[in-house]
Amino acid sequence: MTRILIVDDDPSIRFMLMLERAGHEVQEAKHGAAALASLDGELPDLVLTDLMMPVMGGAELVRLLRSVPRTAGLRIMVVSANPDAIGEASRADAVLAKPFIRAEVTG
């Protein structure tokens, strides 16, 4: 089972991204700081994060994840409506533009 951490301040986006029906174990965080706090235990296989969030945004989250050996190899996908997301998320593995079609995420 794939473990996925979804980081987004918009509950409707977190709900839309629920991948449990596809057989994935899903964990949620409302912002980057909450996501970091949730990584004390077993690491997820994938982090899906928005860029613009309160407390800590996705670009800072990606930077911090990549700077620590324990999390540097995590697969990270930025999901953002920001047209400049590719530049801001240059250290992520992939960028998915909002709005998106649910099938693009769930397969």
PDB file of N, CA and C in Angstrom:
ATOM      1  N   MET A   1       0.841  -1.176   0.000  1.00  0.00           N
ATOM      2  CA  MET A   1       0.000   0.000   0.000  1.00  0.00           C
ATOM      3  C   MET A   1       0.891   1.245   0.000  1.00  0.00           C
ATOM      4  N   THR A   2       0.606   2.158  -0.883  1.00  0.00           N
ATOM      5  CA  THR A   2       1.359   3.409  -0.987  1.00  0.00           C
ATOM      6  C   THR A   2       0.852   4.393   0.058  1.00  0.00           C
ATOM      7  N   ARG A   3       1.792   5.015   0.779  1.00  0.00           N
ATOM      8  CA  ARG A   3       1.455   6.029   1.779  1.00  0.00           C
ATOM      9  C   ARG A   3       1.634   7.405   1.141  1.00  0.00           C
ATOM     10  N   ILE A   4       0.577   8.223   1.190  1.00  0.00           N
ATOM     11  CA  ILE A   4       0.594   9.547   0.564  1.00  0.00           C
ATOM     12  C   ILE A   4       0.249  10.599   1.604  1.00  0.00           C
ATOM     13  N   LEU A   5       1.069  11.647   1.680  1.00  0.00           N
ATOM     14  CA  LEU A   5       0.806  12.799   2.539  1.00  0.00           C
ATOM     15  C   LEU A   5       0.312  13.934   1.660  1.00  0.00           C
ATOM     16  N   ILE A   6      -0.916  14.411   1.918  1.00  0.00           N
ATOM     17  CA  ILE A   6      -1.501  15.523   1.167  1.00  0.00           C
ATOM     18  C   ILE A   6      -1.428  16.774   2.033  1.00  0.00           C
ATOM     19  N   VAL A   7      -0.799  17.828   1.517  1.00  0.00           N
ATOM     20  CA  VAL A   7      -0.602  19.065   2.272  1.00  0.00           C
ATOM     21  C   VAL A   7      -1.303  20.194   1.525  1.00  0.00           C
ATOM     22  N   ASP A   8      -2.417  20.672   2.078  1.00  0.00           N
ATOM     23  CA  ASP A   8      -3.187  21.733   1.434  1.00  0.00           C
ATOM     24  C   ASP A   8      -4.088  22.377   2.469  1.00  0.00           C
ATOM     25  N   ASP A   9      -4.196  23.705   2.462  1.00  0.00           N
ATOM     26  CA  ASP A   9      -5.037  24.409   3.420  1.00  0.00           C
ATOM     27  C   ASP A   9      -6.504  24.410   3.022  1.00  0.00           C
ATOM     28  N   ASP A  10      -6.831  24.003   1.814  1.00  0.00           N
ATOM     29  CA  ASP A  10      -8.209  23.989   1.324  1.00  0.00           C
ATOM     30  C   ASP A  10      -8.813  22.601   1.537  1.00  0.00           C
ATOM     31  N   PRO A  11      -9.768  22.472   2.465  1.00  0.00           N
ATOM     32  CA  PRO A  11     -10.337  21.149   2.742  1.00  0.00           C
ATOM     33  C   PRO A  11     -10.977  20.503   1.523  1.00  0.00           C
ATOM     34  N   SER A  12     -11.541  21.301   0.609  1.00  0.00           N
ATOM     35  CA  SER A  12     -12.172  20.698  -0.567  1.00  0.00           C
ATOM     36  C   SER A  12     -11.127  20.051  -1.468  1.00  0.00           C
ATOM     37  N   ILE A  13      -9.918  20.620  -1.544  1.00  0.00           N
ATOM     38  CA  ILE A  13      -8.850  20.012  -2.334  1.00  0.00           C
ATOM     39  C   ILE A  13      -8.387  18.731  -1.662  1.00  0.00           C
ATOM     40  N   ARG A  14      -8.210  18.778  -0.333  1.00  0.00           N
ATOM     41  CA  ARG A  14      -7.798  17.569   0.369  1.00  0.00           C
ATOM     42  C   ARG A  14      -8.831  16.471   0.167  1.00  0.00           C
ATOM     43  N   PHE A  15     -10.127  16.830   0.191  1.00  0.00           N
ATOM     44  CA  PHE A  15     -11.173  15.844  -0.010  1.00  0.00           C
ATOM     45  C   PHE A  15     -11.108  15.274  -1.426  1.00  0.00           C
ATOM     46  N   MET A  16     -10.929  16.162  -2.417  1.00  0.00           N
ATOM     47  CA  MET A  16     -10.867  15.705  -3.810  1.00  0.00           C
ATOM     48  C   MET A  16      -9.692  14.767  -4.043  1.00  0.00           C
ATOM     49  N   LEU A  17      -8.639  14.980  -3.328  1.00  0.00           N
ATOM     50  CA  LEU A  17      -7.444  14.173  -3.540  1.00  0.00           C
ATOM     51  C   LEU A  17      -7.457  12.860  -2.762  1.00  0.00           C
ATOM     52  N   MET A  18      -8.540  12.586  -2.050  1.00  0.00           N
ATOM     53  CA  MET A  18      -8.567  11.354  -1.263  1.00  0.00           C
ATOM     54  C   MET A  18      -8.328  10.156  -2.167  1.00  0.00           C
ATOM     55  N   LEU A  19      -7.258   9.504  -1.922  1.00  0.00           N
ATOM     56  CA  LEU A  19      -6.836   8.390  -2.759  1.00  0.00           C
ATOM     57  C   LEU A  19      -7.058   7.046  -2.072  1.00  0.00           C
ATOM     58  N   GLU A  20      -7.725   7.089  -0.923  1.00  0.00           N
ATOM     59  CA  GLU A  20      -7.959   5.850  -0.187  1.00  0.00           C
ATOM     60  C   GLU A  20      -8.759   4.850  -1.001  1.00  0.00           C
ATOM     61  N   ARG A  21      -9.708   5.347  -1.773  1.00  0.00           N
ATOM     62  CA  ARG A  21     -10.527   4.444  -2.597  1.00  0.00           C
ATOM     63  C   ARG A  21      -9.686   3.684  -3.605  1.00  0.00           C
ATOM     64  N   ALA A  22      -8.564   4.259  -3.968  1.00  0.00           N
ATOM     65  CA  ALA A  22      -7.672   3.599  -4.926  1.00  0.00           C
ATOM     66  C   ALA A  22      -6.688   2.673  -4.206  1.00  0.00           C
ATOM     67  N   GLY A  23      -6.872   2.492  -2.898  1.00  0.00           N
ATOM     68  CA  GLY A  23      -6.042   1.562  -2.153  1.00  0.00           C
ATOM     69  C   GLY A  23      -4.797   2.162  -1.520  1.00  0.00           C
ATOM     70  N   HIS A  24      -4.726   3.496  -1.448  1.00  0.00           N
ATOM     71  CA  HIS A  24      -3.569   4.158  -0.851  1.00  0.00           C
ATOM     72  C   HIS A  24      -3.879   4.551   0.586  1.00  0.00           C
ATOM     73  N   GLU A  25      -2.861   4.581   1.423  1.00  0.00           N
ATOM     74  CA  GLU A  25      -2.996   5.089   2.780  1.00  0.00           C
ATOM     75  C   GLU A  25      -2.727   6.588   2.713  1.00  0.00           C
ATOM     76  N   VAL A  26      -3.700   7.400   3.136  1.00  0.00           N
ATOM     77  CA  VAL A  26      -3.608   8.851   2.989  1.00  0.00           C
ATOM     78  C   VAL A  26      -3.551   9.528   4.342  1.00  0.00           C
ATOM     79  N   GLN A  27      -2.634  10.472   4.462  1.00  0.00           N
ATOM     80  CA  GLN A  27      -2.510  11.320   5.649  1.00  0.00           C
ATOM     81  C   GLN A  27      -2.644  12.756   5.160  1.00  0.00           C
ATOM     82  N   GLU A  28      -3.235  13.631   5.972  1.00  0.00           N
ATOM     83  CA  GLU A  28      -3.443  15.021   5.575  1.00  0.00           C
ATOM     84  C   GLU A  28      -2.742  15.985   6.521  1.00  0.00           C
ATOM     85  N   ALA A  29      -2.352  17.139   5.986  1.00  0.00           N
ATOM     86  CA  ALA A  29      -1.814  18.240   6.777  1.00  0.00           C
ATOM     87  C   ALA A  29      -2.323  19.543   6.164  1.00  0.00           C
ATOM     88  N   LYS A  30      -2.620  20.538   7.017  1.00  0.00           N
ATOM     89  CA  LYS A  30      -3.185  21.813   6.552  1.00  0.00           C
ATOM     90  C   LYS A  30      -2.150  22.805   6.057  1.00  0.00           C
ATOM     91  N   HIS A  31      -0.868  22.566   6.369  1.00  0.00           N
ATOM     92  CA  HIS A  31       0.208  23.468   5.939  1.00  0.00           C
ATOM     93  C   HIS A  31       1.538  22.756   6.108  1.00  0.00           C
ATOM     94  N   GLY A  32       2.583  23.375   5.631  1.00  0.00           N
ATOM     95  CA  GLY A  32       3.899  22.755   5.654  1.00  0.00           C
ATOM     96  C   GLY A  32       4.423  22.414   7.033  1.00  0.00           C
ATOM     97  N   ALA A  33       4.178  23.277   8.018  1.00  0.00           N
ATOM     98  CA  ALA A  33       4.667  23.000   9.368  1.00  0.00           C
ATOM     99  C   ALA A  33       3.985  21.764   9.944  1.00  0.00           C
ATOM    100  N   ALA A  34       2.688  21.614   9.694  1.00  0.00           N
ATOM    101  CA  ALA A  34       1.969  20.418  10.160  1.00  0.00           C
ATOM    102  C   ALA A  34       2.484  19.175   9.438  1.00  0.00           C
ATOM    103  N   ALA A  35       2.815  19.322   8.170  1.00  0.00           N
ATOM    104  CA  ALA A  35       3.362  18.193   7.411  1.00  0.00           C
ATOM    105  C   ALA A  35       4.690  17.745   8.005  1.00  0.00           C
ATOM    106  N   LEU A  36       5.568  18.695   8.298  1.00  0.00           N
ATOM    107  CA  LEU A  36       6.862  18.348   8.895  1.00  0.00           C
ATOM    108  C   LEU A  36       6.678  17.649  10.240  1.00  0.00           C
ATOM    109  N   ALA A  37       5.747  18.146  11.043  1.00  0.00           N
ATOM    110  CA  ALA A  37       5.497  17.549  12.357  1.00  0.00           C
ATOM    111  C   ALA A  37       4.984  16.118  12.237  1.00  0.00           C
ATOM    112  N   SER A  38       4.320  15.804  11.133  1.00  0.00           N
ATOM    113  CA  SER A  38       3.752  14.470  10.949  1.00  0.00           C
ATOM    114  C   SER A  38       4.779  13.445  10.478  1.00  0.00           C
ATOM    115  N   LEU A  39       5.982  13.884  10.171  1.00  0.00           N
ATOM    116  CA  LEU A  39       6.991  12.984   9.601  1.00  0.00           C
ATOM    117  C   LEU A  39       7.908  12.354  10.640  1.00  0.00           C
ATOM    118  N   ASP A  40       7.496  12.348  11.897  1.00  0.00           N
ATOM    119  CA  ASP A  40       8.314  11.739  12.945  1.00  0.00           C
ATOM    120  C   ASP A  40       8.377  10.223  12.825  1.00  0.00           C
ATOM    121  N   GLY A  41       7.310   9.618  12.336  1.00  0.00           N
ATOM    122  CA  GLY A  41       7.256   8.164  12.220  1.00  0.00           C
ATOM    123  C   GLY A  41       7.683   7.691  10.843  1.00  0.00           C
ATOM    124  N   GLU A  42       6.920   6.758  10.316  1.00  0.00           N
ATOM    125  CA  GLU A  42       7.199   6.201   8.996  1.00  0.00           C
ATOM    126  C   GLU A  42       6.963   7.270   7.924  1.00  0.00           C
ATOM    127  N   LEU A  43       7.886   7.359   6.985  1.00  0.00           N
ATOM    128  CA  LEU A  43       7.769   8.366   5.933  1.00  0.00           C
ATOM    129  C   LEU A  43       6.777   7.926   4.865  1.00  0.00           C
ATOM    130  N   PRO A  44       6.094   8.900   4.249  1.00  0.00           N
ATOM    131  CA  PRO A  44       5.200   8.554   3.147  1.00  0.00           C
ATOM    132  C   PRO A  44       6.007   8.205   1.899  1.00  0.00           C
ATOM    133  N   ASP A  45       5.356   7.554   0.961  1.00  0.00           N
ATOM    134  CA  ASP A  45       5.985   7.254  -0.328  1.00  0.00           C
ATOM    135  C   ASP A  45       5.918   8.461  -1.254  1.00  0.00           C
ATOM    136  N   LEU A  46       4.932   9.337  -1.016  1.00  0.00           N
ATOM    137  CA  LEU A  46       4.709  10.500  -1.872  1.00  0.00           C
ATOM    138  C   LEU A  46       4.135  11.632  -1.035  1.00  0.00           C
ATOM    139  N   VAL A  47       4.613  12.859  -1.303  1.00  0.00           N
ATOM    140  CA  VAL A  47       4.050  14.062  -0.697  1.00  0.00           C
ATOM    141  C   VAL A  47       3.428  14.880  -1.825  1.00  0.00           C
ATOM    142  N   LEU A  48       2.118  15.162  -1.713  1.00  0.00           N
ATOM    143  CA  LEU A  48       1.424  16.054  -2.643  1.00  0.00           C
ATOM    144  C   LEU A  48       1.201  17.353  -1.884  1.00  0.00           C
ATOM    145  N   THR A  49       1.758  18.464  -2.368  1.00  0.00           N
ATOM    146  CA  THR A  49       1.634  19.717  -1.619  1.00  0.00           C
ATOM    147  C   THR A  49       1.236  20.888  -2.499  1.00  0.00           C
ATOM    148  N   ASP A  50       0.412  21.740  -1.935  1.00  0.00           N
ATOM    149  CA  ASP A  50       0.080  23.027  -2.530  1.00  0.00           C
ATOM    150  C   ASP A  50       1.256  23.958  -2.268  1.00  0.00           C
ATOM    151  N   LEU A  51       1.319  25.086  -2.959  1.00  0.00           N
ATOM    152  CA  LEU A  51       2.374  26.067  -2.705  1.00  0.00           C
ATOM    153  C   LEU A  51       1.930  27.142  -1.731  1.00  0.00           C
ATOM    154  N   MET A  52       0.758  27.725  -1.971  1.00  0.00           N
ATOM    155  CA  MET A  52       0.324  28.874  -1.175  1.00  0.00           C
ATOM    156  C   MET A  52      -0.561  28.399  -0.021  1.00  0.00           C
ATOM    157  N   MET A  53       0.028  28.396   1.189  1.00  0.00           N
ATOM    158  CA  MET A  53      -0.678  27.994   2.407  1.00  0.00           C
ATOM    159  C   MET A  53      -0.212  28.890   3.548  1.00  0.00           C
ATOM    160  N   PRO A  54      -1.051  29.037   4.582  1.00  0.00           N
ATOM    161  CA  PRO A  54      -0.612  29.803   5.751  1.00  0.00           C
ATOM    162  C   PRO A  54       0.430  29.019   6.548  1.00  0.00           C
ATOM    163  N   VAL A  55       1.069  29.657   7.460  1.00  0.00           N
ATOM    164  CA  VAL A  55       2.066  29.102   8.380  1.00  0.00           C
ATOM    165  C   VAL A  55       3.346  28.734   7.631  1.00  0.00           C
ATOM    166  N   MET A  56       3.291  27.778   6.735  1.00  0.00           N
ATOM    167  CA  MET A  56       4.444  27.424   5.896  1.00  0.00           C
ATOM    168  C   MET A  56       3.927  26.939   4.551  1.00  0.00           C
ATOM    169  N   GLY A  57       4.369  27.573   3.480  1.00  0.00           N
ATOM    170  CA  GLY A  57       3.951  27.210   2.139  1.00  0.00           C
ATOM    171  C   GLY A  57       4.696  25.998   1.597  1.00  0.00           C
ATOM    172  N   GLY A  58       4.259  25.541   0.454  1.00  0.00           N
ATOM    173  CA  GLY A  58       4.823  24.351  -0.152  1.00  0.00           C
ATOM    174  C   GLY A  58       6.254  24.497  -0.631  1.00  0.00           C
ATOM    175  N   ALA A  59       6.624  25.672  -1.126  1.00  0.00           N
ATOM    176  CA  ALA A  59       8.007  25.857  -1.598  1.00  0.00           C
ATOM    177  C   ALA A  59       8.986  25.700  -0.431  1.00  0.00           C
ATOM    178  N   GLU A  60       8.638  26.268   0.723  1.00  0.00           N
ATOM    179  CA  GLU A  60       9.484  26.135   1.917  1.00  0.00           C
ATOM    180  C   GLU A  60       9.490  24.682   2.395  1.00  0.00           C
ATOM    181  N   LEU A  61       8.341  24.032   2.343  1.00  0.00           N
ATOM    182  CA  LEU A  61       8.266  22.621   2.728  1.00  0.00           C
ATOM    183  C   LEU A  61       9.190  21.779   1.852  1.00  0.00           C
ATOM    184  N   VAL A  62       9.124  21.975   0.559  1.00  0.00           N
ATOM    185  CA  VAL A  62       9.981  21.211  -0.360  1.00  0.00           C
ATOM    186  C   VAL A  62      11.453  21.486  -0.053  1.00  0.00           C
ATOM    187  N   ARG A  63      11.797  22.756   0.149  1.00  0.00           N
ATOM    188  CA  ARG A  63      13.191  23.113   0.458  1.00  0.00           C
ATOM    189  C   ARG A  63      13.670  22.403   1.717  1.00  0.00           C
ATOM    190  N   LEU A  64      12.840  22.429   2.759  1.00  0.00           N
ATOM    191  CA  LEU A  64      13.230  21.793   4.019  1.00  0.00           C
ATOM    192  C   LEU A  64      13.314  20.273   3.893  1.00  0.00           C
ATOM    193  N   LEU A  65      12.378  19.665   3.179  1.00  0.00           N
ATOM    194  CA  LEU A  65      12.429  18.210   2.984  1.00  0.00           C
ATOM    195  C   LEU A  65      13.693  17.796   2.246  1.00  0.00           C
ATOM    196  N   ARG A  66      14.073  18.563   1.252  1.00  0.00           N
ATOM    197  CA  ARG A  66      15.264  18.230   0.460  1.00  0.00           C
ATOM    198  C   ARG A  66      16.567  18.486   1.231  1.00  0.00           C
ATOM    199  N   SER A  67      16.515  19.308   2.276  1.00  0.00           N
ATOM    200  CA  SER A  67      17.735  19.674   3.001  1.00  0.00           C
ATOM    201  C   SER A  67      18.112  18.699   4.113  1.00  0.00           C
ATOM    202  N   VAL A  68      17.247  17.761   4.411  1.00  0.00           N
ATOM    203  CA  VAL A  68      17.483  16.805   5.502  1.00  0.00           C
ATOM    204  C   VAL A  68      17.685  15.414   4.900  1.00  0.00           C
ATOM    205  N   PRO A  69      18.789  14.748   5.235  1.00  0.00           N
ATOM    206  CA  PRO A  69      19.056  13.436   4.633  1.00  0.00           C
ATOM    207  C   PRO A  69      17.901  12.435   4.752  1.00  0.00           C
ATOM    208  N   ARG A  70      17.211  12.427   5.882  1.00  0.00           N
ATOM    209  CA  ARG A  70      16.127  11.459   6.084  1.00  0.00           C
ATOM    210  C   ARG A  70      14.983  11.646   5.086  1.00  0.00           C
ATOM    211  N   THR A  71      14.719  12.887   4.669  1.00  0.00           N
ATOM    212  CA  THR A  71      13.580  13.160   3.781  1.00  0.00           C
ATOM    213  C   THR A  71      13.998  13.625   2.388  1.00  0.00           C
ATOM    214  N   ALA A  72      15.286  13.745   2.142  1.00  0.00           N
ATOM    215  CA  ALA A  72      15.775  14.284   0.866  1.00  0.00           C
ATOM    216  C   ALA A  72      15.324  13.471  -0.341  1.00  0.00           C
ATOM    217  N   GLY A  73      15.113  12.191  -0.163  1.00  0.00           N
ATOM    218  CA  GLY A  73      14.729  11.338  -1.285  1.00  0.00           C
ATOM    219  C   GLY A  73      13.244  11.126  -1.460  1.00  0.00           C
ATOM    220  N   LEU A  74      12.419  11.794  -0.651  1.00  0.00           N
ATOM    221  CA  LEU A  74      10.978  11.639  -0.795  1.00  0.00           C
ATOM    222  C   LEU A  74      10.517  12.087  -2.177  1.00  0.00           C
ATOM    223  N   ARG A  75       9.553  11.374  -2.736  1.00  0.00           N
ATOM    224  CA  ARG A  75       8.934  11.828  -3.987  1.00  0.00           C
ATOM    225  C   ARG A  75       7.947  12.929  -3.626  1.00  0.00           C
ATOM    226  N   ILE A  76       8.068  14.072  -4.318  1.00  0.00           N
ATOM    227  CA  ILE A  76       7.233  15.234  -4.015  1.00  0.00           C
ATOM    228  C   ILE A  76       6.592  15.742  -5.298  1.00  0.00           C
ATOM    229  N   MET A  77       5.262  15.934  -5.229  1.00  0.00           N
ATOM    230  CA  MET A  77       4.530  16.545  -6.332  1.00  0.00           C
ATOM    231  C   MET A  77       3.862  17.806  -5.816  1.00  0.00           C
ATOM    232  N   VAL A  78       4.098  18.930  -6.483  1.00  0.00           N
ATOM    233  CA  VAL A  78       3.440  20.189  -6.159  1.00  0.00           C
ATOM    234  C   VAL A  78       2.161  20.264  -6.974  1.00  0.00           C
ATOM    235  N   VAL A  79       1.060  20.606  -6.305  1.00  0.00           N
ATOM    236  CA  VAL A  79      -0.237  20.787  -6.946  1.00  0.00           C
ATOM    237  C   VAL A  79      -0.606  22.245  -6.712  1.00  0.00           C
ATOM    238  N   SER A  80      -0.611  23.060  -7.783  1.00  0.00           N
ATOM    239  CA  SER A  80      -0.774  24.500  -7.581  1.00  0.00           C
ATOM    240  C   SER A  80      -1.491  25.189  -8.727  1.00  0.00           C
ATOM    241  N   ALA A  81      -2.249  26.228  -8.377  1.00  0.00           N
ATOM    242  CA  ALA A  81      -2.877  27.084  -9.377  1.00  0.00           C
ATOM    243  C   ALA A  81      -1.941  28.205  -9.807  1.00  0.00           C
ATOM    244  N   ASN A  82      -0.808  28.310  -9.152  1.00  0.00           N
ATOM    245  CA  ASN A  82       0.169  29.353  -9.432  1.00  0.00           C
ATOM    246  C   ASN A  82       0.891  29.041 -10.746  1.00  0.00           C
ATOM    247  N   PRO A  83       0.792  29.923 -11.747  1.00  0.00           N
ATOM    248  CA  PRO A  83       1.463  29.646 -13.017  1.00  0.00           C
ATOM    249  C   PRO A  83       2.984  29.622 -12.913  1.00  0.00           C
ATOM    250  N   ASP A  84       3.531  30.177 -11.838  1.00  0.00           N
ATOM    251  CA  ASP A  84       4.974  30.166 -11.637  1.00  0.00           C
ATOM    252  C   ASP A  84       5.425  28.968 -10.790  1.00  0.00           C
ATOM    253  N   ALA A  85       4.538  28.002 -10.607  1.00  0.00           N
ATOM    254  CA  ALA A  85       4.821  26.867  -9.716  1.00  0.00           C
ATOM    255  C   ALA A  85       6.062  26.093 -10.128  1.00  0.00           C
ATOM    256  N   ILE A  86       6.301  25.978 -11.406  1.00  0.00           N
ATOM    257  CA  ILE A  86       7.460  25.197 -11.842  1.00  0.00           C
ATOM    258  C   ILE A  86       8.743  25.808 -11.300  1.00  0.00           C
ATOM    259  N   GLY A  87       8.858  27.121 -11.345  1.00  0.00           N
ATOM    260  CA  GLY A  87      10.041  27.776 -10.807  1.00  0.00           C
ATOM    261  C   GLY A  87      10.137  27.658  -9.298  1.00  0.00           C
ATOM    262  N   GLU A  88       9.021  27.883  -8.620  1.00  0.00           N
ATOM    263  CA  GLU A  88       9.018  27.819  -7.163  1.00  0.00           C
ATOM    264  C   GLU A  88       9.211  26.393  -6.651  1.00  0.00           C
ATOM    265  N   ALA A  89       8.805  25.425  -7.443  1.00  0.00           N
ATOM    266  CA  ALA A  89       8.868  24.027  -7.011  1.00  0.00           C
ATOM    267  C   ALA A  89       9.955  23.267  -7.748  1.00  0.00           C
ATOM    268  N   SER A  90      11.009  23.945  -8.105  1.00  0.00           N
ATOM    269  CA  SER A  90      12.043  23.315  -8.927  1.00  0.00           C
ATOM    270  C   SER A  90      12.687  22.102  -8.268  1.00  0.00           C
ATOM    271  N   ARG A  91      12.585  21.994  -6.959  1.00  0.00           N
ATOM    272  CA  ARG A  91      13.175  20.849  -6.270  1.00  0.00           C
ATOM    273  C   ARG A  91      12.181  19.702  -6.100  1.00  0.00           C
ATOM    274  N   ALA A  92      10.935  19.906  -6.547  1.00  0.00           N
ATOM    275  CA  ALA A  92       9.937  18.833  -6.508  1.00  0.00           C
ATOM    276  C   ALA A  92      10.155  17.907  -7.700  1.00  0.00           C
ATOM    277  N   ASP A  93       9.580  16.724  -7.621  1.00  0.00           N
ATOM    278  CA  ASP A  93       9.716  15.760  -8.710  1.00  0.00           C
ATOM    279  C   ASP A  93       8.746  16.023  -9.847  1.00  0.00           C
ATOM    280  N   ALA A  94       7.597  16.657  -9.526  1.00  0.00           N
ATOM    281  CA  ALA A  94       6.580  16.912 -10.545  1.00  0.00           C
ATOM    282  C   ALA A  94       5.688  18.055 -10.096  1.00  0.00           C
ATOM    283  N   VAL A  95       4.997  18.668 -11.055  1.00  0.00           N
ATOM    284  CA  VAL A  95       4.043  19.745 -10.776  1.00  0.00           C
ATOM    285  C   VAL A  95       2.751  19.417 -11.503  1.00  0.00           C
ATOM    286  N   LEU A  96       1.626  19.502 -10.794  1.00  0.00           N
ATOM    287  CA  LEU A  96       0.306  19.304 -11.368  1.00  0.00           C
ATOM    288  C   LEU A  96      -0.453  20.612 -11.208  1.00  0.00           C
ATOM    289  N   ALA A  97      -0.945  21.163 -12.320  1.00  0.00           N
ATOM    290  CA  ALA A  97      -1.636  22.447 -12.280  1.00  0.00           C
ATOM    291  C   ALA A  97      -3.081  22.281 -11.810  1.00  0.00           C
ATOM    292  N   LYS A  98      -3.528  23.224 -10.966  1.00  0.00           N
ATOM    293  CA  LYS A  98      -4.938  23.319 -10.587  1.00  0.00           C
ATOM    294  C   LYS A  98      -5.596  24.278 -11.553  1.00  0.00           C
ATOM    295  N   PRO A  99      -6.823  24.116 -11.907  1.00  0.00           N
ATOM    296  CA  PRO A  99      -7.639  22.966 -11.545  1.00  0.00           C
ATOM    297  C   PRO A  99      -7.190  21.733 -12.322  1.00  0.00           C
ATOM    298  N   PHE A 100      -7.443  20.607 -11.751  1.00  0.00           N
ATOM    299  CA  PHE A 100      -7.061  19.362 -12.393  1.00  0.00           C
ATOM    300  C   PHE A 100      -8.269  18.453 -12.470  1.00  0.00           C
ATOM    301  N   ILE A 101      -8.153  17.475 -13.309  1.00  0.00           N
ATOM    302  CA  ILE A 101      -9.188  16.462 -13.429  1.00  0.00           C
ATOM    303  C   ILE A 101      -8.830  15.362 -12.447  1.00  0.00           C
ATOM    304  N   ARG A 102      -9.774  14.970 -11.622  1.00  0.00           N
ATOM    305  CA  ARG A 102      -9.491  13.993 -10.575  1.00  0.00           C
ATOM    306  C   ARG A 102      -8.784  12.753 -11.123  1.00  0.00           C
ATOM    307  N   ALA A 103      -9.144  12.324 -12.307  1.00  0.00           N
ATOM    308  CA  ALA A 103      -8.522  11.131 -12.906  1.00  0.00           C
ATOM    309  C   ALA A 103      -7.018  11.329 -13.142  1.00  0.00           C
ATOM    310  N   GLU A 104      -6.577  12.597 -13.287  1.00  0.00           N
ATOM    311  CA  GLU A 104      -5.137  12.857 -13.457  1.00  0.00           C
ATOM    312  C   GLU A 104      -4.376  12.460 -12.202  1.00  0.00           C
ATOM    313  N   VAL A 105      -5.035  12.508 -11.060  1.00  0.00           N
ATOM    314  CA  VAL A 105      -4.375  12.198  -9.802  1.00  0.00           C
ATOM    315  C   VAL A 105      -4.607  10.749  -9.393  1.00  0.00           C
ATOM    316  N   THR A 106      -5.840  10.286  -9.533  1.00  0.00           N
ATOM    317  CA  THR A 106      -6.180   8.958  -9.052  1.00  0.00           C
ATOM    318  C   THR A 106      -5.950   7.859 -10.073  1.00  0.00           C
ATOM    319  N   GLY A 107      -5.761   8.223 -11.317  1.00  0.00           N
ATOM    320  CA  GLY A 107      -5.499   7.231 -12.353  1.00  0.00           C
ATOM    321  C   GLY A 107      -6.716   6.681 -12.881  1.00  0.00           C
TER     322      GLY A 107
END
